[in-house]
Amino acid sequence: MTQPDTTEAEARSALAAAQAEVDRQADELEQLKRQAAELSEDKARLQSIVTQMTTLLAARDALVEKLVQAVKDLRALKFGKRSEKLPPGQLALAFEDLVATGASLEAQIDRIEDTAAKVSGGEEKRKRRRCEPDEERASLPSHLPVVEEVIEPDSLECACCKGALHRIGETVAKRLDVVPVQYFIRVTIRPKYACRACDGEIVQAPAPAHVVEGGLPTEALVAQVLVDKHADHTPIYTQVQAMARQGIELKRHVIAGWAGRGAGELKPVWRRLREILLSGSHLFVDETEVPVLDPGRGRTHTGFFWAIAQDPRPYGGKDPPMAVFTYAPGRGGGHARNLLASFSGVAQCDGYKVYKTLAASRQDITLAHCWAHCRRNFFKLLKNDGSTPLVAEALKRIAAFYAIEEEIRGRAPGERRAVRKMKTGLLMSDFHRWLVEVRGKVMAGSEMGKAVTYALEHWNGLTHFLEDGRVEIDSNVVERAIRPVCLTRKNSLFAGSHGGAENWAIVASLIETCKLNNVNPQAYLTDVLTRIVNGHPNSRIDELMPWAWKAAHPVTDRAA
């Protein structure tokens, strides 16, 4: 009976071994299935990454093409036949968009490369692209407050011996941070004091005066409203929306009232600024439209800002640069006469007839006309027909005048006059002869004929800068001062009334003069409003001029 028992045991053992082998193979099969699924997922992720990378690289190539084209456009503007330059803001907007697009693509590529490194089993986080340090760090001013953040390791215990770690150094990174505009409530407390021995003796500090007596705003808030509107071109209705996001619910007309009271307090400073400018012997003058709401007619009335400016820096002058706007309901000669009634000297302007009429009626005003306006007449023709050889020749000759001006910028008036006499004078004489010849060849009523006639009719004013080293070749100084007003006009659409336009001119004058003198308008207006409402004497109003204020507040100006 032993033999059958042995055979049965062997059979059971073989069966068990076979079952174990089946189980093992089943486990291996499940493991292979899991690995296949994981490989399939990895493959899908990698394919997705490849697709995204391909798309982003294509977008990056497109961006490179845009940048190359932008460089070509810049080279054409600087070195091509067209000497007229695009407004700086127009090119700046284009480049801002290109830079932002490039940075966005780089950020997306960084994220995808990080994911690809994790999937492929590489380092967990790829080293990030870094900006050029000199490009950003140099722009961090020293007066900004510094907030330090110390990031310690998760453990200060040695991973090997479990002993305490000691500090051997540090890595410091400086970044520019910001706290969003934060409104707060300023509580002014004036304690009352009385004498226990004397009846009726009560002492209390006087209440400080404010632009809006009994109202909510401090002078800093009024100044902020003015700066937001006239320096940053943010209309009051947009400021109201920004305040509402922080839970401050104020009516639009309330904040407009604050701005109006602030402008009213600043009017004496504006009046003195204009008086100083008109007392000089050389200024730039121009005018620009400003729509003013006319409720009686249900539409807007076209008023004008008459702008006067001076900037002696191109000839090394020590007087401060300044710009002043005066509102008038029209553009007629009477407004020009009123504006320049107390002025005598050289007025640089365009060819507007009211200036010529004014100069003809007064022996103490000499007009210096603007070569930029003269050049613009030819440039318009070049845009319409780039193959016109006469137009190209005119622009080439005018460009030679400007090249000499670049050489002598910043030199003393006498030196500028001498160089102009020696170099520019000869070129001017040749250009005049050329213009006379061209006028005989082209039709009088043609656009080319009009451009030539304009230059010849204004020749005395166009060549006056040869005789006076203080005079510029064009009136771009005042045109640059007008540009911010145009931006505010575009965003605000119109002034609410003639009085509102006058307030606009007052604040715009002070802010533009602050900018010309590198003065922080927020700090300046806050301090000046505070001084005025608390009785700053009119006899010392010159202390409130932006350049004088800057000299007395260098630290406040930088830190505000």
Protein backbone atom coordinates (compact mmCIF):
# COMPACT_ATOMS: atom_id res chain seq x y z
CA MET A 1 0.00 0.00 0.00
CA THR A 2 2.97 2.27 0.20
CA GLN A 3 3.27 2.73 -3.55
CA PRO A 4 -0.14 4.41 -4.10
CA ASP A 5 0.35 6.80 -1.20
CA THR A 6 3.62 7.99 -2.66
CA THR A 7 2.12 8.52 -6.08
CA GLU A 8 -0.77 10.56 -4.63
CA ALA A 9 1.60 12.80 -2.68
CA GLU A 10 3.69 13.49 -5.74
CA ALA A 11 0.57 14.34 -7.70
CA ARG A 12 -0.55 16.81 -5.05
CA SER A 13 2.91 18.38 -4.96
CA ALA A 14 2.97 18.72 -8.75
CA LEU A 15 -0.50 20.24 -8.70
CA ALA A 16 0.51 22.74 -6.04
CA ALA A 17 3.61 23.67 -7.99
CA ALA A 18 1.58 24.09 -11.14
CA GLN A 19 -0.94 26.30 -9.28
CA ALA A 20 1.89 28.42 -7.86
CA GLU A 21 3.33 28.83 -11.34
CA VAL A 22 -0.07 29.90 -12.66
CA ASP A 23 -0.44 32.42 -9.83
CA ARG A 24 3.05 33.74 -10.45
CA GLN A 25 2.41 34.15 -14.14
CA ALA A 26 -0.94 35.80 -13.38
CA ASP A 27 0.82 38.27 -11.07
CA GLU A 28 3.44 38.94 -13.73
CA LEU A 29 0.67 39.48 -16.27
CA GLU A 30 -1.07 41.99 -13.99
CA GLN A 31 2.22 43.73 -13.38
CA LEU A 32 2.91 43.87 -17.11
CA LYS A 33 -0.59 45.26 -17.69
CA ARG A 34 0.04 47.96 -15.06
CA GLN A 35 3.40 48.80 -16.60
CA ALA A 36 1.82 48.91 -20.04
CA ALA A 37 -0.88 51.27 -18.74
CA GLU A 38 1.74 53.49 -17.07
CA LEU A 39 3.83 53.50 -20.25
CA SER A 40 0.75 54.40 -22.23
CA GLU A 41 0.00 57.29 -19.85
CA ASP A 42 3.62 58.45 -19.99
CA LYS A 43 3.53 58.22 -23.77
CA ALA A 44 0.33 60.27 -23.86
CA ARG A 45 1.84 62.89 -21.52
CA LEU A 46 5.01 63.05 -23.56
CA GLN A 47 3.03 63.37 -26.77
CA SER A 48 1.03 66.18 -25.17
CA ILE A 49 4.24 67.88 -24.06
CA VAL A 50 5.74 67.53 -27.52
CA THR A 51 2.60 69.00 -29.06
CA GLN A 52 2.61 71.93 -26.63
CA MET A 53 6.33 72.51 -27.12
CA THR A 54 5.89 72.46 -30.90
CA THR A 55 3.07 75.00 -30.64
CA LEU A 56 5.05 77.24 -28.31
CA LEU A 57 8.19 77.03 -30.42
CA ALA A 58 6.12 78.01 -33.46
CA ALA A 59 4.73 80.94 -31.49
CA ARG A 60 8.24 81.88 -30.42
CA ASP A 61 9.40 81.78 -34.05
CA ALA A 62 6.50 84.06 -34.96
CA LEU A 63 7.54 86.42 -32.17
CA VAL A 64 11.10 86.48 -33.48
CA GLU A 65 9.74 87.44 -36.89
CA LYS A 66 7.78 90.29 -35.28
CA LEU A 67 10.87 91.49 -33.44
CA VAL A 68 12.94 91.35 -36.62
CA GLN A 69 10.29 93.35 -38.45
CA ALA A 70 10.14 95.86 -35.60
CA VAL A 71 13.90 96.34 -35.82
CA LYS A 72 13.59 96.85 -39.58
CA ASP A 73 10.88 99.46 -38.98
CA LEU A 74 13.09 101.25 -36.46
CA ARG A 75 16.04 101.23 -38.85
CA ALA A 76 13.80 102.60 -41.58
CA LEU A 77 12.59 105.34 -39.26
CA LYS A 78 16.11 106.28 -38.23
CA PHE A 79 18.13 105.75 -41.41
CA GLY A 80 15.57 105.59 -44.22
CA LYS A 81 14.39 108.36 -46.48
CA ARG A 82 11.46 109.19 -44.22
CA SER A 83 12.90 111.60 -41.69
CA GLU A 84 9.62 112.10 -39.84
CA LYS A 85 9.60 110.02 -36.65
CA LEU A 86 6.64 108.16 -35.26
CA PRO A 87 5.40 109.36 -31.86
CA PRO A 88 7.51 107.58 -29.20
CA GLY A 89 4.41 106.28 -27.45
CA GLN A 90 3.24 104.46 -30.58
CA LEU A 91 6.44 102.44 -30.91
CA ALA A 92 6.61 101.92 -27.14
CA LEU A 93 3.16 100.33 -27.12
CA ALA A 94 4.17 97.94 -29.88
CA PHE A 95 7.34 96.87 -28.08
CA GLU A 96 5.52 96.50 -24.76
CA ASP A 97 3.20 94.00 -26.42
CA LEU A 98 6.09 92.10 -28.03
CA VAL A 99 8.04 91.91 -24.76
CA ALA A 100 4.96 90.76 -22.84
CA THR A 101 4.25 88.09 -25.45
CA GLY A 102 7.82 86.82 -25.31
CA ALA A 103 7.77 86.65 -21.50
CA SER A 104 4.46 84.76 -21.58
CA LEU A 105 5.88 82.19 -24.00
CA GLU A 106 9.00 81.71 -21.86
CA ALA A 107 6.88 81.11 -18.75
CA GLN A 108 4.80 78.48 -20.54
CA ILE A 109 7.91 76.77 -21.90
CA ASP A 110 9.41 76.72 -18.39
CA ARG A 111 6.35 74.92 -17.01
CA ILE A 112 6.31 72.33 -19.79
CA GLU A 113 10.02 71.62 -19.46
CA ASP A 114 9.57 71.10 -15.71
CA THR A 115 6.80 68.58 -16.39
CA ALA A 116 8.91 66.84 -19.02
CA ALA A 117 11.81 66.51 -16.55
CA LYS A 118 9.55 64.88 -13.95
CA VAL A 119 8.07 62.41 -16.44
CA SER A 120 11.48 61.42 -17.75
CA GLY A 121 12.77 60.82 -14.24
CA GLY A 122 15.17 63.76 -14.31
CA GLU A 123 15.58 66.52 -11.76
CA GLU A 124 12.34 67.61 -10.16
CA LYS A 125 12.65 71.27 -11.08
CA ARG A 126 14.69 72.66 -13.92
CA LYS A 127 16.71 75.79 -13.28
CA ARG A 128 14.68 78.85 -14.23
CA ARG A 129 15.68 81.44 -16.77
CA ARG A 130 17.03 84.53 -15.07
CA CYS A 131 16.74 88.13 -16.16
CA GLU A 132 19.91 90.07 -16.70
CA PRO A 133 20.72 91.50 -13.24
CA ASP A 134 21.94 94.85 -14.54
CA GLU A 135 18.70 95.27 -16.44
CA GLU A 136 16.50 95.34 -13.34
CA ARG A 137 18.60 95.77 -10.20
CA ALA A 138 20.02 99.14 -11.23
CA SER A 139 16.49 100.59 -11.27
CA LEU A 140 15.86 99.98 -7.56
CA PRO A 141 16.29 103.36 -5.79
CA SER A 142 17.97 103.41 -2.41
CA HIS A 143 15.24 105.40 -0.65
CA LEU A 144 12.62 102.63 -0.86
CA PRO A 145 11.75 100.92 2.43
CA VAL A 146 13.14 97.40 2.84
CA VAL A 147 11.14 94.47 4.23
CA GLU A 148 13.27 91.41 5.03
CA GLU A 149 11.99 87.84 4.80
CA VAL A 150 14.17 85.04 6.18
CA ILE A 151 13.49 81.54 4.84
CA GLU A 152 14.95 78.86 7.14
CA PRO A 153 15.44 75.17 6.20
CA ASP A 154 12.80 72.70 7.38
CA SER A 155 15.29 71.31 9.95
CA LEU A 156 18.45 72.69 11.56
CA GLU A 157 19.59 69.17 12.51
CA CYS A 158 22.40 67.46 10.61
CA ALA A 159 21.07 64.59 8.49
CA CYS A 160 24.23 62.52 9.22
CA CYS A 161 25.06 62.86 12.92
CA LYS A 162 21.87 64.59 14.09
CA GLY A 163 23.95 67.42 15.52
CA ALA A 164 22.96 71.13 15.43
CA LEU A 165 23.79 73.07 12.25
CA HIS A 166 25.49 76.47 12.49
CA ARG A 167 25.09 79.41 10.10
CA ILE A 168 28.03 79.90 7.71
CA GLY A 169 26.58 82.50 5.34
CA GLU A 170 23.51 83.52 3.40
CA THR A 171 22.18 84.14 -0.09
CA VAL A 172 20.39 87.45 -0.56
CA ALA A 173 17.98 88.24 -3.40
CA LYS A 174 16.38 91.67 -3.79
CA ARG A 175 13.06 91.93 -5.60
CA LEU A 176 10.69 94.83 -6.14
CA ASP A 177 7.37 94.31 -4.31
CA VAL A 178 4.24 96.40 -3.93
CA VAL A 179 1.37 96.93 -1.52
CA PRO A 180 -1.79 97.96 -3.40
CA VAL A 181 -3.10 101.47 -2.75
CA GLN A 182 -4.41 101.42 0.79
CA TYR A 183 -6.82 103.99 2.08
CA PHE A 184 -6.93 104.60 5.80
CA ILE A 185 -8.78 106.79 8.23
CA ARG A 186 -6.73 109.60 9.75
CA VAL A 187 -8.18 110.53 13.13
CA THR A 188 -7.18 113.96 14.43
CA ILE A 189 -7.62 114.36 18.19
CA ARG A 190 -7.32 117.78 19.83
CA PRO A 191 -7.35 117.38 23.62
CA LYS A 192 -8.89 120.11 25.75
CA TYR A 193 -7.13 121.29 28.89
CA ALA A 194 -8.53 123.32 31.77
CA CYS A 195 -7.10 124.88 34.93
CA ARG A 196 -8.48 123.52 38.20
CA ALA A 197 -7.92 126.85 39.91
CA CYS A 198 -9.31 129.18 37.25
CA ASP A 199 -12.78 129.03 35.83
CA GLY A 200 -13.23 129.25 32.07
CA GLU A 201 -9.57 128.70 31.19
CA ILE A 202 -9.69 126.07 28.43
CA VAL A 203 -6.73 125.43 26.14
CA GLN A 204 -6.97 123.49 22.90
CA ALA A 205 -4.79 123.41 19.77
CA PRO A 206 -6.45 125.10 16.79
CA ALA A 207 -7.89 122.82 14.13
CA PRO A 208 -5.76 122.68 10.97
CA ALA A 209 -7.38 124.07 7.86
CA HIS A 210 -8.24 121.76 4.98
CA VAL A 211 -9.03 122.06 1.30
CA VAL A 212 -12.47 120.57 2.00
CA GLU A 213 -13.47 121.93 5.39
CA GLY A 214 -15.61 119.47 7.29
CA GLY A 215 -15.22 116.92 4.51
CA LEU A 216 -13.60 113.50 4.23
CA PRO A 217 -10.41 114.03 2.24
CA THR A 218 -6.99 115.02 3.46
CA GLU A 219 -4.80 117.15 1.22
CA ALA A 220 -2.90 114.01 0.21
CA LEU A 221 -6.12 112.42 -1.08
CA VAL A 222 -7.09 115.57 -3.01
CA ALA A 223 -3.61 115.62 -4.52
CA GLN A 224 -3.93 111.94 -5.44
CA VAL A 225 -7.20 112.60 -7.27
CA LEU A 226 -5.56 115.43 -9.24
CA VAL A 227 -2.43 113.42 -10.06
CA ASP A 228 -4.44 110.36 -11.10
CA LYS A 229 -6.51 112.46 -13.48
CA HIS A 230 -3.94 114.84 -14.95
CA ALA A 231 -0.64 112.95 -14.68
CA ASP A 232 -1.83 109.35 -15.09
CA HIS A 233 -4.88 110.23 -17.24
CA THR A 234 -7.34 108.30 -15.07
CA PRO A 235 -10.82 109.87 -15.25
CA ILE A 236 -12.67 110.47 -12.00
CA TYR A 237 -15.31 107.85 -12.80
CA THR A 238 -12.52 105.25 -13.03
CA GLN A 239 -11.12 106.42 -9.70
CA VAL A 240 -14.59 106.01 -8.17
CA GLN A 241 -14.66 102.41 -9.40
CA ALA A 242 -11.20 101.74 -7.92
CA MET A 243 -12.31 103.06 -4.52
CA ALA A 244 -15.47 100.97 -4.66
CA ARG A 245 -13.36 97.83 -4.99
CA GLN A 246 -12.01 98.61 -1.51
CA GLY A 247 -15.49 99.19 -0.12
CA ILE A 248 -15.34 103.00 -0.27
CA GLU A 249 -18.62 104.10 -1.84
CA LEU A 250 -18.42 107.73 -2.96
CA LYS A 251 -20.40 109.59 -5.58
CA ARG A 252 -18.60 110.79 -8.66
CA HIS A 253 -19.68 114.40 -8.17
CA VAL A 254 -18.28 114.38 -4.62
CA ILE A 255 -14.76 113.52 -5.79
CA ALA A 256 -15.12 115.98 -8.68
CA GLY A 257 -15.90 118.62 -6.06
CA TRP A 258 -12.69 117.78 -4.20
CA ALA A 259 -10.71 118.18 -7.41
CA GLY A 260 -12.36 121.52 -8.13
CA ARG A 261 -11.59 122.89 -4.67
CA GLY A 262 -8.00 121.73 -4.98
CA ALA A 263 -7.63 123.49 -8.33
CA GLY A 264 -9.17 126.63 -6.86
CA GLU A 265 -6.61 126.69 -4.05
CA LEU A 266 -3.79 126.21 -6.58
CA LYS A 267 -4.84 129.06 -8.85
CA PRO A 268 -2.55 131.68 -7.24
CA VAL A 269 0.44 129.38 -7.82
CA TRP A 270 -0.60 128.88 -11.46
CA ARG A 271 -1.06 132.63 -11.92
CA ARG A 272 2.43 133.34 -10.57
CA LEU A 273 3.92 130.56 -12.72
CA ARG A 274 2.42 132.14 -15.83
CA GLU A 275 3.64 135.56 -14.75
CA ILE A 276 7.22 134.28 -14.39
CA LEU A 277 7.10 132.60 -17.79
CA LEU A 278 5.74 135.69 -19.56
CA SER A 279 8.40 137.87 -17.95
CA GLY A 280 11.11 136.08 -19.92
CA SER A 281 12.38 137.02 -23.35
CA HIS A 282 11.82 133.73 -25.14
CA LEU A 283 8.97 131.23 -25.09
CA PHE A 284 7.17 128.61 -27.15
CA VAL A 285 3.46 128.95 -27.85
CA ASP A 286 0.84 126.62 -29.30
CA GLU A 287 -2.81 125.73 -28.82
CA THR A 288 -4.90 122.57 -28.75
CA GLU A 289 -8.61 121.78 -28.72
CA VAL A 290 -10.49 120.84 -25.57
CA PRO A 291 -14.17 119.80 -25.84
CA VAL A 292 -16.33 121.47 -23.20
CA LEU A 293 -19.83 120.25 -22.38
CA ASP A 294 -22.50 122.75 -23.40
CA PRO A 295 -25.75 121.53 -21.72
CA GLY A 296 -27.85 124.29 -23.28
CA ARG A 297 -27.19 122.94 -26.77
CA GLY A 298 -26.98 119.29 -25.80
CA ARG A 299 -23.47 118.87 -27.22
CA THR A 300 -19.89 119.94 -26.62
CA HIS A 301 -18.33 123.30 -27.38
CA THR A 302 -14.78 123.39 -28.78
CA GLY A 303 -12.58 125.42 -26.47
CA PHE A 304 -8.80 125.70 -26.56
CA PHE A 305 -5.85 125.36 -24.25
CA TRP A 306 -3.26 127.99 -25.16
CA ALA A 307 0.11 126.62 -24.11
CA ILE A 308 3.29 128.57 -23.42
CA ALA A 309 6.56 126.97 -22.38
CA GLN A 310 10.27 127.51 -21.93
CA ASP A 311 13.17 125.10 -21.69
CA PRO A 312 16.66 126.64 -21.58
CA ARG A 313 18.45 123.31 -21.13
CA PRO A 314 19.33 122.86 -24.84
CA TYR A 315 21.53 125.99 -24.68
CA GLY A 316 22.81 125.46 -21.12
CA GLY A 317 20.48 128.02 -19.52
CA LYS A 318 20.05 128.01 -15.75
CA ASP A 319 16.40 129.09 -15.64
CA PRO A 320 13.93 126.30 -14.82
CA PRO A 321 11.85 124.72 -17.59
CA MET A 322 8.12 125.26 -17.29
CA ALA A 323 4.84 124.92 -19.17
CA VAL A 324 1.59 126.81 -18.56
CA PHE A 325 -1.86 126.23 -20.06
CA THR A 326 -4.56 128.90 -20.26
CA TYR A 327 -8.11 128.02 -21.23
CA ALA A 328 -10.03 130.17 -23.70
CA PRO A 329 -13.39 129.46 -25.36
CA GLY A 330 -11.94 130.13 -28.83
CA ARG A 331 -8.89 130.35 -31.06
CA GLY A 332 -9.22 133.90 -32.36
CA GLY A 333 -6.61 136.63 -32.35
CA GLY A 334 -8.10 138.30 -29.27
CA HIS A 335 -7.18 135.31 -27.14
CA ALA A 336 -3.59 135.40 -28.43
CA ARG A 337 -3.37 139.12 -27.66
CA ASN A 338 -4.64 138.59 -24.12
CA LEU A 339 -2.28 135.69 -23.54
CA LEU A 340 0.86 137.53 -24.69
CA ALA A 341 -0.13 141.04 -23.58
CA SER A 342 2.73 141.31 -21.08
CA PHE A 343 5.30 139.41 -23.14
CA SER A 344 8.07 140.87 -25.27
CA GLY A 345 10.74 138.87 -27.01
CA VAL A 346 10.94 135.85 -29.31
CA ALA A 347 7.88 133.63 -29.61
CA GLN A 348 8.43 130.25 -31.27
CA CYS A 349 5.29 128.95 -32.95
CA ASP A 350 3.78 127.35 -36.02
CA GLY A 351 2.42 129.32 -38.98
CA TYR A 352 -1.01 130.05 -37.49
CA LYS A 353 -2.13 133.43 -38.78
CA VAL A 354 -3.09 134.95 -35.40
CA TYR A 355 0.56 134.89 -34.31
CA LYS A 356 1.64 136.66 -37.50
CA THR A 357 -1.10 139.26 -37.06
CA LEU A 358 -0.05 139.82 -33.45
CA ALA A 359 3.63 140.21 -34.37
CA ALA A 360 2.73 142.64 -37.16
CA SER A 361 0.87 144.86 -34.68
CA ARG A 362 3.64 144.84 -32.06
CA GLN A 363 7.27 145.74 -32.53
CA ASP A 364 8.38 143.98 -29.34
CA ILE A 365 7.48 140.44 -30.48
CA THR A 366 9.52 138.48 -33.01
CA LEU A 367 8.32 135.19 -34.41
CA ALA A 368 10.56 132.15 -34.84
CA HIS A 369 8.77 129.56 -36.92
CA CYS A 370 8.95 125.79 -36.62
CA TRP A 371 10.91 123.61 -39.02
CA ALA A 372 9.02 120.52 -37.80
CA HIS A 373 5.80 121.97 -39.23
CA CYS A 374 7.55 122.87 -42.48
CA ARG A 375 9.02 119.39 -42.78
CA ARG A 376 5.64 117.82 -42.04
CA ASN A 377 4.17 119.37 -45.20
CA PHE A 378 6.75 117.54 -47.32
CA PHE A 379 6.53 114.33 -45.33
CA LYS A 380 2.79 114.04 -46.01
CA LEU A 381 3.62 114.02 -49.72
CA LEU A 382 6.27 111.36 -49.21
CA LYS A 383 3.72 109.07 -47.56
CA ASN A 384 1.37 109.51 -50.51
CA ASP A 385 4.06 109.05 -53.17
CA GLY A 386 7.37 107.71 -51.92
CA SER A 387 8.95 107.94 -55.39
CA THR A 388 8.71 111.75 -55.65
CA PRO A 389 12.33 112.91 -56.04
CA LEU A 390 11.58 116.56 -55.14
CA VAL A 391 9.97 115.59 -51.83
CA ALA A 392 12.85 113.25 -50.96
CA GLU A 393 15.34 116.01 -51.75
CA ALA A 394 13.52 118.51 -49.53
CA LEU A 395 13.48 116.10 -46.60
CA LYS A 396 17.15 115.26 -47.11
CA ARG A 397 18.11 118.93 -46.93
CA ILE A 398 16.00 119.57 -43.82
CA ALA A 399 17.52 116.49 -42.16
CA ALA A 400 20.95 118.08 -42.59
CA PHE A 401 19.79 121.08 -40.49
CA TYR A 402 18.70 118.75 -37.69
CA ALA A 403 21.98 116.84 -37.80
CA ILE A 404 23.85 120.06 -36.99
CA GLU A 405 21.42 120.81 -34.16
CA GLU A 406 22.21 117.46 -32.58
CA GLU A 407 25.91 118.33 -32.63
CA ILE A 408 25.46 121.62 -30.75
CA ARG A 409 22.75 120.61 -28.29
CA GLY A 410 23.69 121.71 -24.77
CA ARG A 411 26.31 124.24 -25.86
CA ALA A 412 26.27 127.94 -24.93
CA PRO A 413 24.12 130.32 -27.05
CA GLY A 414 27.13 132.08 -28.55
CA GLU A 415 28.73 128.83 -29.67
CA ARG A 416 25.45 127.56 -31.10
CA ARG A 417 25.02 130.78 -33.09
CA ALA A 418 28.56 130.60 -34.46
CA VAL A 419 28.19 126.99 -35.64
CA ARG A 420 24.82 127.73 -37.20
CA LYS A 421 26.22 130.73 -39.05
CA MET A 422 29.16 128.71 -40.37
CA LYS A 423 27.37 125.46 -41.26
CA THR A 424 23.59 125.78 -41.29
CA GLY A 425 23.56 129.22 -42.93
CA LEU A 426 25.14 127.91 -46.13
CA LEU A 427 22.75 124.97 -46.28
CA MET A 428 19.83 127.32 -45.73
CA SER A 429 20.89 129.58 -48.59
CA ASP A 430 21.17 126.61 -50.96
CA PHE A 431 17.79 125.31 -49.82
CA HIS A 432 16.17 128.70 -50.42
CA ARG A 433 17.50 128.83 -54.00
CA TRP A 434 16.29 125.28 -54.53
CA LEU A 435 12.80 126.15 -53.25
CA VAL A 436 12.56 129.12 -55.59
CA GLU A 437 13.52 126.91 -58.53
CA VAL A 438 11.03 124.21 -57.55
CA ARG A 439 8.21 126.73 -57.17
CA GLY A 440 8.68 127.65 -60.82
CA LYS A 441 8.41 124.01 -61.89
CA VAL A 442 5.37 122.76 -59.94
CA MET A 443 1.73 123.81 -60.13
CA ALA A 444 0.86 126.56 -57.68
CA GLY A 445 -2.22 124.76 -56.38
CA SER A 446 -0.60 121.34 -56.04
CA GLU A 447 0.32 119.88 -52.66
CA MET A 448 4.01 120.22 -53.50
CA GLY A 449 3.42 123.83 -54.50
CA LYS A 450 1.68 124.52 -51.18
CA ALA A 451 4.54 122.96 -49.20
CA VAL A 452 7.12 125.05 -51.07
CA THR A 453 5.05 128.23 -50.70
CA TYR A 454 4.66 127.66 -46.95
CA ALA A 455 8.43 127.42 -46.53
CA LEU A 456 9.11 130.58 -48.59
CA GLU A 457 6.36 132.64 -46.96
CA HIS A 458 7.66 131.80 -43.47
CA TRP A 459 11.34 132.03 -44.39
CA ASN A 460 12.21 134.92 -42.06
CA GLY A 461 10.73 133.09 -39.08
CA LEU A 462 12.27 129.77 -40.13
CA THR A 463 15.76 131.28 -40.28
CA HIS A 464 15.55 133.38 -37.10
CA PHE A 465 17.21 130.63 -35.07
CA LEU A 466 20.43 131.34 -37.00
CA GLU A 467 20.63 134.74 -35.30
CA ASP A 468 19.88 133.68 -31.71
CA GLY A 469 21.54 130.75 -29.96
CA ARG A 470 18.66 130.48 -27.48
CA VAL A 471 16.12 129.79 -30.21
CA GLU A 472 15.42 126.17 -31.17
CA ILE A 473 14.99 124.88 -34.70
CA ASP A 474 11.39 123.89 -33.94
CA SER A 475 8.64 124.29 -31.35
CA ASN A 476 8.66 120.67 -30.20
CA VAL A 477 9.15 121.79 -26.59
CA VAL A 478 5.58 123.05 -26.37
CA GLU A 479 4.22 120.20 -28.49
CA ARG A 480 5.68 117.68 -26.03
CA ALA A 481 4.06 119.58 -23.17
CA ILE A 482 0.68 119.35 -24.90
CA ARG A 483 0.77 115.56 -25.41
CA PRO A 484 -0.26 114.65 -21.82
CA VAL A 485 -3.21 117.03 -22.11
CA CYS A 486 -4.26 115.18 -25.25
CA LEU A 487 -4.13 111.84 -23.40
CA THR A 488 -6.27 113.20 -20.56
CA ARG A 489 -8.67 114.65 -23.14
CA LYS A 490 -8.94 111.28 -24.87
CA ASN A 491 -9.75 109.43 -21.64
CA SER A 492 -12.00 112.06 -20.06
CA LEU A 493 -13.75 112.91 -23.38
CA PHE A 494 -14.58 116.50 -22.39
CA ALA A 495 -14.52 119.12 -19.65
CA GLY A 496 -17.82 119.49 -17.82
CA SER A 497 -17.90 123.28 -18.07
CA HIS A 498 -15.78 126.31 -18.91
CA GLY A 499 -14.86 126.50 -15.23
CA GLY A 500 -13.88 122.85 -15.28
CA ALA A 501 -11.64 123.50 -18.28
CA GLU A 502 -9.96 126.35 -16.38
CA ASN A 503 -9.33 124.02 -13.43
CA TRP A 504 -7.94 121.45 -15.84
CA ALA A 505 -5.49 124.04 -17.24
CA ILE A 506 -4.35 125.03 -13.73
CA VAL A 507 -3.57 121.51 -12.54
CA ALA A 508 -2.08 120.40 -15.87
CA SER A 509 0.29 123.39 -15.78
CA LEU A 510 1.65 122.53 -12.34
CA ILE A 511 1.96 118.80 -13.05
CA GLU A 512 3.72 119.32 -16.39
CA THR A 513 6.13 121.82 -14.81
CA CYS A 514 6.79 119.28 -12.02
CA LYS A 515 7.65 116.67 -14.64
CA LEU A 516 9.99 119.05 -16.46
CA ASN A 517 11.83 119.70 -13.19
CA ASN A 518 11.85 116.05 -11.99
CA VAL A 519 9.54 116.81 -9.09
CA ASN A 520 7.15 114.20 -7.68
CA PRO A 521 3.73 115.84 -8.32
CA GLN A 522 2.01 113.83 -5.56
CA ALA A 523 4.41 115.04 -2.87
CA TYR A 524 4.47 118.55 -4.31
CA LEU A 525 0.69 119.06 -4.51
CA THR A 526 0.11 117.53 -1.07
CA ASP A 527 2.55 119.91 0.59
CA VAL A 528 1.55 122.98 -1.42
CA LEU A 529 -2.18 122.48 -0.75
CA THR A 530 -1.47 122.00 2.95
CA ARG A 531 0.57 125.21 3.07
CA ILE A 532 -1.93 127.28 1.13
CA VAL A 533 -4.99 126.35 3.21
CA ASN A 534 -3.01 126.99 6.40
CA GLY A 535 -2.15 130.53 5.42
CA HIS A 536 1.06 130.50 3.38
CA PRO A 537 1.68 134.22 2.69
CA ASN A 538 1.21 135.41 -0.87
CA SER A 539 4.39 137.46 -0.55
CA ARG A 540 6.33 134.17 -0.43
CA ILE A 541 4.49 132.40 -3.22
CA ASP A 542 7.72 131.97 -5.19
CA GLU A 543 8.67 129.35 -2.59
CA LEU A 544 5.83 127.22 -3.98
CA MET A 545 7.17 127.09 -7.52
CA PRO A 546 8.07 123.46 -8.35
CA TRP A 547 11.82 124.11 -8.79
CA ALA A 548 12.03 126.11 -5.54
CA TRP A 549 10.02 123.47 -3.70
CA LYS A 550 12.35 120.74 -4.98
CA ALA A 551 15.42 122.60 -3.70
CA ALA A 552 13.86 122.77 -0.22
CA HIS A 553 12.52 119.18 -0.17
CA PRO A 554 15.03 116.88 -1.92
CA VAL A 555 14.39 113.92 0.39
CA THR A 556 10.61 114.32 0.53
CA ASP A 557 10.47 114.60 -3.23
CA ARG A 558 12.34 111.32 -3.76
CA ALA A 559 10.61 109.31 -1.09
CA ALA A 560 7.02 110.33 -1.80
